[in-house]
Amino acid sequence: TLGPAVATDASRSRSHTGGGWFSFCGLYDFW
């Protein structure tokens, strides 16, 4: 079965290096 999609990303710079994701079910996180 087709489940909820997920999108992710990461950034890398001198000022901020982090990552994050969110799901179409409503949950998300970042760090």
Full PDB file with SEQRES, HELIX, SHEET, SSBOND, CRYST1, ORIGX, SCALE, CONECT and MASTER records, all heavy atoms in Angstrom:
SEQRES   1 A   31  THR LEU GLY PRO ALA VAL ALA THR ASP ALA SER ARG SER          
SEQRES   2 A   31  ARG SER HIS THR GLY GLY GLY TRP PHE SER PHE CYS GLY          
SEQRES   3 A   31  LEU TYR ASP PHE TRP                                          
SHEET    1 AA1 3 VAL A   6  ARG A  12  0                                        
SHEET    2 AA1 3 THR A  17  SER A  23 -1                                        
SHEET    3 AA1 3 TYR A  28  PHE A  30 -1                                        
CRYST1    1.000    1.000    1.000  90.00  90.00  90.00 P 1           1          
ORIGX1      1.000000  0.000000  0.000000        0.00000                         
ORIGX2      0.000000  1.000000  0.000000        0.00000                         
ORIGX3      0.000000  0.000000  1.000000        0.00000                         
SCALE1      1.000000  0.000000  0.000000        0.00000                         
SCALE2      0.000000  1.000000  0.000000        0.00000                         
SCALE3      0.000000  0.000000  1.000000        0.00000                         
ATOM      1  N   THR A   1       0.830  -1.198   0.000  1.00  0.00           N  
ATOM      2  CA  THR A   1       0.000   0.000   0.000  1.00  0.00           C  
ATOM      3  C   THR A   1       0.874   1.262   0.000  1.00  0.00           C  
ATOM      4  O   THR A   1       2.003   1.253   0.496  1.00  0.00           O  
ATOM      5  CB  THR A   1      -0.926   0.034   1.229  1.00  0.00           C  
ATOM      6  OG1 THR A   1      -0.116  -0.022   2.423  1.00  0.00           O  
ATOM      7  CG2 THR A   1      -1.873  -1.151   1.209  1.00  0.00           C  
ATOM      8  N   LEU A   2       0.347   2.334  -0.571  1.00  0.00           N  
ATOM      9  CA  LEU A   2       1.076   3.594  -0.630  1.00  0.00           C  
ATOM     10  C   LEU A   2       0.951   4.315   0.702  1.00  0.00           C  
ATOM     11  O   LEU A   2      -0.152   4.640   1.151  1.00  0.00           O  
ATOM     12  CB  LEU A   2       0.531   4.469  -1.759  1.00  0.00           C  
ATOM     13  CG  LEU A   2       1.286   5.772  -2.033  1.00  0.00           C  
ATOM     14  CD1 LEU A   2       2.712   5.481  -2.469  1.00  0.00           C  
ATOM     15  CD2 LEU A   2       0.565   6.595  -3.090  1.00  0.00           C  
ATOM     16  N   GLY A   3       2.081   4.572   1.359  1.00  0.00           N  
ATOM     17  CA  GLY A   3       2.082   5.230   2.659  1.00  0.00           C  
ATOM     18  C   GLY A   3       2.305   6.726   2.549  1.00  0.00           C  
ATOM     19  O   GLY A   3       2.471   7.271   1.449  1.00  0.00           O  
ATOM     20  N   PRO A   4       2.324   7.430   3.678  1.00  0.00           N  
ATOM     21  CA  PRO A   4       2.542   8.883   3.672  1.00  0.00           C  
ATOM     22  C   PRO A   4       3.957   9.229   3.224  1.00  0.00           C  
ATOM     23  O   PRO A   4       4.931   8.609   3.659  1.00  0.00           O  
ATOM     24  CB  PRO A   4       2.306   9.286   5.135  1.00  0.00           C  
ATOM     25  CG  PRO A   4       2.573   8.037   5.921  1.00  0.00           C  
ATOM     26  CD  PRO A   4       2.145   6.905   5.054  1.00  0.00           C  
ATOM     27  N   ALA A   5       4.064  10.213   2.350  1.00  0.00           N  
ATOM     28  CA  ALA A   5       5.371  10.617   1.826  1.00  0.00           C  
ATOM     29  C   ALA A   5       6.190  11.318   2.905  1.00  0.00           C  
ATOM     30  O   ALA A   5       5.664  11.830   3.901  1.00  0.00           O  
ATOM     31  CB  ALA A   5       5.186  11.536   0.626  1.00  0.00           C  
ATOM     32  N   VAL A   6       7.519  11.330   2.674  1.00  0.00           N  
ATOM     33  CA  VAL A   6       8.454  11.966   3.593  1.00  0.00           C  
ATOM     34  C   VAL A   6       9.394  12.851   2.786  1.00  0.00           C  
ATOM     35  O   VAL A   6       9.838  12.475   1.689  1.00  0.00           O  
ATOM     36  CB  VAL A   6       9.281  10.916   4.376  1.00  0.00           C  
ATOM     37  CG1 VAL A   6      10.318  11.595   5.269  1.00  0.00           C  
ATOM     38  CG2 VAL A   6       8.361  10.034   5.217  1.00  0.00           C  
ATOM     39  N   ALA A   7       9.692  14.032   3.300  1.00  0.00           N  
ATOM     40  CA  ALA A   7      10.674  14.934   2.681  1.00  0.00           C  
ATOM     41  C   ALA A   7      11.781  15.202   3.691  1.00  0.00           C  
ATOM     42  O   ALA A   7      11.514  15.425   4.883  1.00  0.00           O  
ATOM     43  CB  ALA A   7      10.016  16.233   2.239  1.00  0.00           C  
ATOM     44  N   THR A   8      13.022  15.170   3.233  1.00  0.00           N  
ATOM     45  CA  THR A   8      14.169  15.388   4.121  1.00  0.00           C  
ATOM     46  C   THR A   8      15.101  16.426   3.505  1.00  0.00           C  
ATOM     47  O   THR A   8      15.058  16.693   2.309  1.00  0.00           O  
ATOM     48  CB  THR A   8      14.960  14.083   4.335  1.00  0.00           C  
ATOM     49  OG1 THR A   8      15.562  13.687   3.090  1.00  0.00           O  
ATOM     50  CG2 THR A   8      14.054  12.971   4.827  1.00  0.00           C  
ATOM     51  N   ASP A   9      15.954  16.995   4.355  1.00  0.00           N  
ATOM     52  CA  ASP A   9      16.943  17.961   3.870  1.00  0.00           C  
ATOM     53  C   ASP A   9      18.034  18.104   4.913  1.00  0.00           C  
ATOM     54  O   ASP A   9      17.830  17.832   6.111  1.00  0.00           O  
ATOM     55  CB  ASP A   9      16.297  19.315   3.593  1.00  0.00           C  
ATOM     56  CG  ASP A   9      17.246  20.263   2.874  1.00  0.00           C  
ATOM     57  OD1 ASP A   9      17.922  19.806   1.934  1.00  0.00           O  
ATOM     58  OD2 ASP A   9      17.332  21.443   3.266  1.00  0.00           O  
ATOM     59  N   ALA A  10      19.207  18.527   4.449  1.00  0.00           N  
ATOM     60  CA  ALA A  10      20.335  18.830   5.343  1.00  0.00           C  
ATOM     61  C   ALA A  10      21.008  20.092   4.837  1.00  0.00           C  
ATOM     62  O   ALA A  10      21.030  20.364   3.631  1.00  0.00           O  
ATOM     63  CB  ALA A  10      21.325  17.668   5.381  1.00  0.00           C  
ATOM     64  N   SER A  11      21.523  20.878   5.760  1.00  0.00           N  
ATOM     65  CA  SER A  11      22.233  22.113   5.402  1.00  0.00           C  
ATOM     66  C   SER A  11      23.637  22.065   5.993  1.00  0.00           C  
ATOM     67  O   SER A  11      23.856  21.495   7.067  1.00  0.00           O  
ATOM     68  CB  SER A  11      21.476  23.336   5.911  1.00  0.00           C  
ATOM     69  OG  SER A  11      21.454  23.342   7.328  1.00  0.00           O  
ATOM     70  N   ARG A  12      24.563  22.691   5.295  1.00  0.00           N  
ATOM     71  CA  ARG A  12      25.954  22.686   5.766  1.00  0.00           C  
ATOM     72  C   ARG A  12      26.570  24.046   5.464  1.00  0.00           C  
ATOM     73  O   ARG A  12      26.761  24.420   4.310  1.00  0.00           O  
ATOM     74  CB  ARG A  12      26.748  21.589   5.066  1.00  0.00           C  
ATOM     75  CG  ARG A  12      28.193  21.454   5.538  1.00  0.00           C  
ATOM     76  CD  ARG A  12      28.827  20.244   4.865  1.00  0.00           C  
ATOM     77  NE  ARG A  12      30.214  20.065   5.280  1.00  0.00           N  
ATOM     78  CZ  ARG A  12      31.250  20.610   4.668  1.00  0.00           C  
ATOM     79  NH1 ARG A  12      31.074  21.396   3.601  1.00  0.00           N  
ATOM     80  NH2 ARG A  12      32.482  20.389   5.109  1.00  0.00           N  
ATOM     81  N   SER A  13      26.824  24.795   6.510  1.00  0.00           N  
ATOM     82  CA  SER A  13      27.451  26.108   6.374  1.00  0.00           C  
ATOM     83  C   SER A  13      28.236  26.411   7.643  1.00  0.00           C  
ATOM     84  O   SER A  13      28.149  25.685   8.641  1.00  0.00           O  
ATOM     85  CB  SER A  13      26.395  27.193   6.117  1.00  0.00           C  
ATOM     86  OG  SER A  13      25.531  27.314   7.226  1.00  0.00           O  
ATOM     87  N   ARG A  14      28.988  27.493   7.627  1.00  0.00           N  
ATOM     88  CA  ARG A  14      29.762  27.862   8.807  1.00  0.00           C  
ATOM     89  C   ARG A  14      28.872  28.230   9.982  1.00  0.00           C  
ATOM     90  O   ARG A  14      29.175  27.958  11.134  1.00  0.00           O  
ATOM     91  CB  ARG A  14      30.684  29.020   8.474  1.00  0.00           C  
ATOM     92  CG  ARG A  14      31.816  28.664   7.503  1.00  0.00           C  
ATOM     93  CD  ARG A  14      32.725  29.853   7.286  1.00  0.00           C  
ATOM     94  NE  ARG A  14      33.838  29.511   6.400  1.00  0.00           N  
ATOM     95  CZ  ARG A  14      34.776  30.373   6.037  1.00  0.00           C  
ATOM     96  NH1 ARG A  14      34.746  31.635   6.488  1.00  0.00           N  
ATOM     97  NH2 ARG A  14      35.755  29.994   5.231  1.00  0.00           N  
ATOM     98  N   SER A  15      27.763  28.858   9.683  1.00  0.00           N  
ATOM     99  CA  SER A  15      26.883  29.332  10.752  1.00  0.00           C  
ATOM    100  C   SER A  15      25.932  28.260  11.268  1.00  0.00           C  
ATOM    101  O   SER A  15      25.566  28.271  12.450  1.00  0.00           O  
ATOM    102  CB  SER A  15      26.078  30.537  10.258  1.00  0.00           C  
ATOM    103  OG  SER A  15      25.296  30.167   9.120  1.00  0.00           O  
ATOM    104  N   HIS A  16      25.523  27.334  10.376  1.00  0.00           N  
ATOM    105  CA  HIS A  16      24.509  26.353  10.800  1.00  0.00           C  
ATOM    106  C   HIS A  16      24.642  25.087   9.956  1.00  0.00           C  
ATOM    107  O   HIS A  16      24.582  25.139   8.729  1.00  0.00           O  
ATOM    108  CB  HIS A  16      23.103  26.939  10.635  1.00  0.00           C  
ATOM    109  CG  HIS A  16      22.019  26.011  11.123  1.00  0.00           C  
ATOM    110  ND1 HIS A  16      21.548  26.050  12.415  1.00  0.00           N  
ATOM    111  CD2 HIS A  16      21.334  25.026  10.502  1.00  0.00           C  
ATOM    112  CE1 HIS A  16      20.605  25.141  12.563  1.00  0.00           C  
ATOM    113  NE2 HIS A  16      20.453  24.501  11.410  1.00  0.00           N  
ATOM    114  N   THR A  17      24.819  23.949  10.621  1.00  0.00           N  
ATOM    115  CA  THR A  17      24.815  22.644   9.954  1.00  0.00           C  
ATOM    116  C   THR A  17      23.788  21.772  10.650  1.00  0.00           C  
ATOM    117  O   THR A  17      23.952  21.435  11.830  1.00  0.00           O  
ATOM    118  CB  THR A  17      26.198  21.976  10.017  1.00  0.00           C  
ATOM    119  OG1 THR A  17      27.159  22.826   9.388  1.00  0.00           O  
ATOM    120  CG2 THR A  17      26.177  20.632   9.299  1.00  0.00           C  
ATOM    121  N   GLY A  18      22.720  21.459   9.954  1.00  0.00           N  
ATOM    122  CA  GLY A  18      21.645  20.705  10.587  1.00  0.00           C  
ATOM    123  C   GLY A  18      20.879  19.875   9.581  1.00  0.00           C  
ATOM    124  O   GLY A  18      21.166  19.860   8.383  1.00  0.00           O  
ATOM    125  N   GLY A  19      19.901  19.170  10.079  1.00  0.00           N  
ATOM    126  CA  GLY A  19      19.052  18.324   9.241  1.00  0.00           C  
ATOM    127  C   GLY A  19      17.632  18.350   9.741  1.00  0.00           C  
ATOM    128  O   GLY A  19      17.357  18.770  10.876  1.00  0.00           O  
ATOM    129  N   GLY A  20      16.732  17.897   8.883  1.00  0.00           N  
ATOM    130  CA  GLY A  20      15.327  17.862   9.272  1.00  0.00           C  
ATOM    131  C   GLY A  20      14.517  17.017   8.311  1.00  0.00           C  
ATOM    132  O   GLY A  20      14.943  16.731   7.191  1.00  0.00           O  
ATOM    133  N   TRP A  21      13.355  16.603   8.773  1.00  0.00           N  
ATOM    134  CA  TRP A  21      12.440  15.822   7.943  1.00  0.00           C  
ATOM    135  C   TRP A  21      11.016  16.044   8.419  1.00  0.00           C  
ATOM    136  O   TRP A  21      10.784  16.460   9.557  1.00  0.00           O  
ATOM    137  CB  TRP A  21      12.772  14.320   8.019  1.00  0.00           C  
ATOM    138  CG  TRP A  21      12.669  13.748   9.412  1.00  0.00           C  
ATOM    139  CD1 TRP A  21      13.650  13.658  10.340  1.00  0.00           C  
ATOM    140  CD2 TRP A  21      11.485  13.216  10.049  1.00  0.00           C  
ATOM    141  NE1 TRP A  21      13.186  13.102  11.495  1.00  0.00           N  
ATOM    142  CE2 TRP A  21      11.854  12.815  11.342  1.00  0.00           C  
ATOM    143  CE3 TRP A  21      10.161  13.034   9.649  1.00  0.00           C  
ATOM    144  CZ2 TRP A  21      10.948  12.252  12.236  1.00  0.00           C  
ATOM    145  CZ3 TRP A  21       9.251  12.469  10.534  1.00  0.00           C  
ATOM    146  CH2 TRP A  21       9.640  12.077  11.810  1.00  0.00           C  
ATOM    147  N   PHE A  22      10.083  15.784   7.540  1.00  0.00           N  
ATOM    148  CA  PHE A  22       8.674  15.780   7.950  1.00  0.00           C  
ATOM    149  C   PHE A  22       7.932  14.738   7.135  1.00  0.00           C  
ATOM    150  O   PHE A  22       8.302  14.421   5.997  1.00  0.00           O  
ATOM    151  CB  PHE A  22       8.039  17.162   7.781  1.00  0.00           C  
ATOM    152  CG  PHE A  22       7.684  17.507   6.371  1.00  0.00           C  
ATOM    153  CD1 PHE A  22       6.420  17.240   5.860  1.00  0.00           C  
ATOM    154  CD2 PHE A  22       8.619  18.111   5.536  1.00  0.00           C  
ATOM    155  CE1 PHE A  22       6.095  17.550   4.559  1.00  0.00           C  
ATOM    156  CE2 PHE A  22       8.306  18.429   4.233  1.00  0.00           C  
ATOM    157  CZ  PHE A  22       7.030  18.150   3.741  1.00  0.00           C  
ATOM    158  N   SER A  23       6.905  14.179   7.732  1.00  0.00           N  
ATOM    159  CA  SER A  23       6.062  13.184   7.085  1.00  0.00           C  
ATOM    160  C   SER A  23       4.690  13.784   6.808  1.00  0.00           C  
ATOM    161  O   SER A  23       4.225  14.661   7.550  1.00  0.00           O  
ATOM    162  CB  SER A  23       5.913  11.941   7.974  1.00  0.00           C  
ATOM    163  OG  SER A  23       4.921  11.066   7.460  1.00  0.00           O  
ATOM    164  N   PHE A  24       4.045  13.316   5.740  1.00  0.00           N  
ATOM    165  CA  PHE A  24       2.719  13.819   5.399  1.00  0.00           C  
ATOM    166  C   PHE A  24       1.669  13.368   6.408  1.00  0.00           C  
ATOM    167  O   PHE A  24       0.519  13.807   6.335  1.00  0.00           O  
ATOM    168  CB  PHE A  24       2.337  13.351   3.993  1.00  0.00           C  
ATOM    169  CG  PHE A  24       2.917  14.216   2.903  1.00  0.00           C  
ATOM    170  CD1 PHE A  24       4.243  14.627   2.959  1.00  0.00           C  
ATOM    171  CD2 PHE A  24       2.148  14.623   1.828  1.00  0.00           C  
ATOM    172  CE1 PHE A  24       4.790  15.413   1.971  1.00  0.00           C  
ATOM    173  CE2 PHE A  24       2.678  15.417   0.828  1.00  0.00           C  
ATOM    174  CZ  PHE A  24       4.004  15.821   0.894  1.00  0.00           C  
ATOM    175  N   CYS A  25       2.065  12.495   7.344  1.00  0.00           N  
ATOM    176  CA  CYS A  25       1.129  12.122   8.410  1.00  0.00           C  
ATOM    177  C   CYS A  25       1.083  13.192   9.505  1.00  0.00           C  
ATOM    178  O   CYS A  25       0.247  13.127  10.400  1.00  0.00           O  
ATOM    179  CB  CYS A  25       1.507  10.769   9.008  1.00  0.00           C  
ATOM    180  SG  CYS A  25       3.030  10.797   9.979  1.00  0.00           S  
ATOM    181  N   GLY A  26       2.014  14.165   9.467  1.00  0.00           N  
ATOM    182  CA  GLY A  26       1.991  15.277  10.412  1.00  0.00           C  
ATOM    183  C   GLY A  26       3.192  15.342  11.337  1.00  0.00           C  
ATOM    184  O   GLY A  26       3.422  16.366  11.980  1.00  0.00           O  
ATOM    185  N   LEU A  27       3.995  14.278  11.429  1.00  0.00           N  
ATOM    186  CA  LEU A  27       5.151  14.286  12.318  1.00  0.00           C  
ATOM    187  C   LEU A  27       6.352  14.934  11.632  1.00  0.00           C  
ATOM    188  O   LEU A  27       6.495  14.861  10.411  1.00  0.00           O  
ATOM    189  CB  LEU A  27       5.507  12.864  12.736  1.00  0.00           C  
ATOM    190  CG  LEU A  27       4.440  12.110  13.554  1.00  0.00           C  
ATOM    191  CD1 LEU A  27       4.902  10.707  13.864  1.00  0.00           C  
ATOM    192  CD2 LEU A  27       4.122  12.861  14.837  1.00  0.00           C  
ATOM    193  N   TYR A  28       7.203  15.566  12.420  1.00  0.00           N  
ATOM    194  CA  TYR A  28       8.421  16.167  11.877  1.00  0.00           C  
ATOM    195  C   TYR A  28       9.468  16.264  12.972  1.00  0.00           C  
ATOM    196  O   TYR A  28       9.178  16.126  14.162  1.00  0.00           O  
ATOM    197  CB  TYR A  28       8.127  17.564  11.300  1.00  0.00           C  
ATOM    198  CG  TYR A  28       7.767  18.610  12.338  1.00  0.00           C  
ATOM    199  CD1 TYR A  28       8.742  19.455  12.881  1.00  0.00           C  
ATOM    200  CD2 TYR A  28       6.444  18.775  12.771  1.00  0.00           C  
ATOM    201  CE1 TYR A  28       8.423  20.419  13.824  1.00  0.00           C  
ATOM    202  CE2 TYR A  28       6.109  19.727  13.707  1.00  0.00           C  
ATOM    203  CZ  TYR A  28       7.103  20.555  14.233  1.00  0.00           C  
ATOM    204  OH  TYR A  28       6.776  21.505  15.173  1.00  0.00           O  
ATOM    205  N   ASP A  29      10.717  16.534  12.557  1.00  0.00           N  
ATOM    206  CA  ASP A  29      11.811  16.673  13.513  1.00  0.00           C  
ATOM    207  C   ASP A  29      12.943  17.444  12.841  1.00  0.00           C  
ATOM    208  O   ASP A  29      13.047  17.480  11.611  1.00  0.00           O  
ATOM    209  CB  ASP A  29      12.305  15.298  13.975  1.00  0.00           C  
ATOM    210  CG  ASP A  29      13.201  15.398  15.207  1.00  0.00           C  
ATOM    211  OD1 ASP A  29      13.234  16.494  15.813  1.00  0.00           O  
ATOM    212  OD2 ASP A  29      13.860  14.404  15.551  1.00  0.00           O  
ATOM    213  N   PHE A  30      13.806  18.059  13.637  1.00  0.00           N  
ATOM    214  CA  PHE A  30      14.985  18.754  13.123  1.00  0.00           C  
ATOM    215  C   PHE A  30      16.034  18.797  14.220  1.00  0.00           C  
ATOM    216  O   PHE A  30      15.730  18.639  15.404  1.00  0.00           O  
ATOM    217  CB  PHE A  30      14.622  20.169  12.640  1.00  0.00           C  
ATOM    218  CG  PHE A  30      14.055  21.060  13.708  1.00  0.00           C  
ATOM    219  CD1 PHE A  30      14.868  21.984  14.370  1.00  0.00           C  
ATOM    220  CD2 PHE A  30      12.711  20.979  14.068  1.00  0.00           C  
ATOM    221  CE1 PHE A  30      14.357  22.803  15.357  1.00  0.00           C  
ATOM    222  CE2 PHE A  30      12.193  21.797  15.060  1.00  0.00           C  
ATOM    223  CZ  PHE A  30      13.004  22.712  15.702  1.00  0.00           C  
ATOM    224  N   TRP A  31      17.303  19.029  13.841  1.00  0.00           N  
ATOM    225  CA  TRP A  31      18.403  18.976  14.795  1.00  0.00           C  
ATOM    226  C   TRP A  31      19.601  19.745  14.233  1.00  0.00           C  
ATOM    227  O   TRP A  31      19.630  20.122  13.052  1.00  0.00           O  
ATOM    228  CB  TRP A  31      18.807  17.516  15.056  1.00  0.00           C  
ATOM    229  CG  TRP A  31      19.213  16.789  13.812  1.00  0.00           C  
ATOM    230  CD1 TRP A  31      20.456  16.693  13.276  1.00  0.00           C  
ATOM    231  CD2 TRP A  31      18.336  16.088  12.925  1.00  0.00           C  
ATOM    232  NE1 TRP A  31      20.428  15.965  12.122  1.00  0.00           N  
ATOM    233  CE2 TRP A  31      19.132  15.580  11.881  1.00  0.00           C  
ATOM    234  CE3 TRP A  31      16.960  15.830  12.923  1.00  0.00           C  
ATOM    235  CZ2 TRP A  31      18.599  14.832  10.836  1.00  0.00           C  
ATOM    236  CZ3 TRP A  31      16.437  15.089  11.882  1.00  0.00           C  
ATOM    237  CH2 TRP A  31      17.246  14.600  10.857  1.00  0.00           C  
TER     238      TRP A  31                                                      
MASTER        0    0    0    0    3    0    0    6  237    1    0    3          
END                                                                             
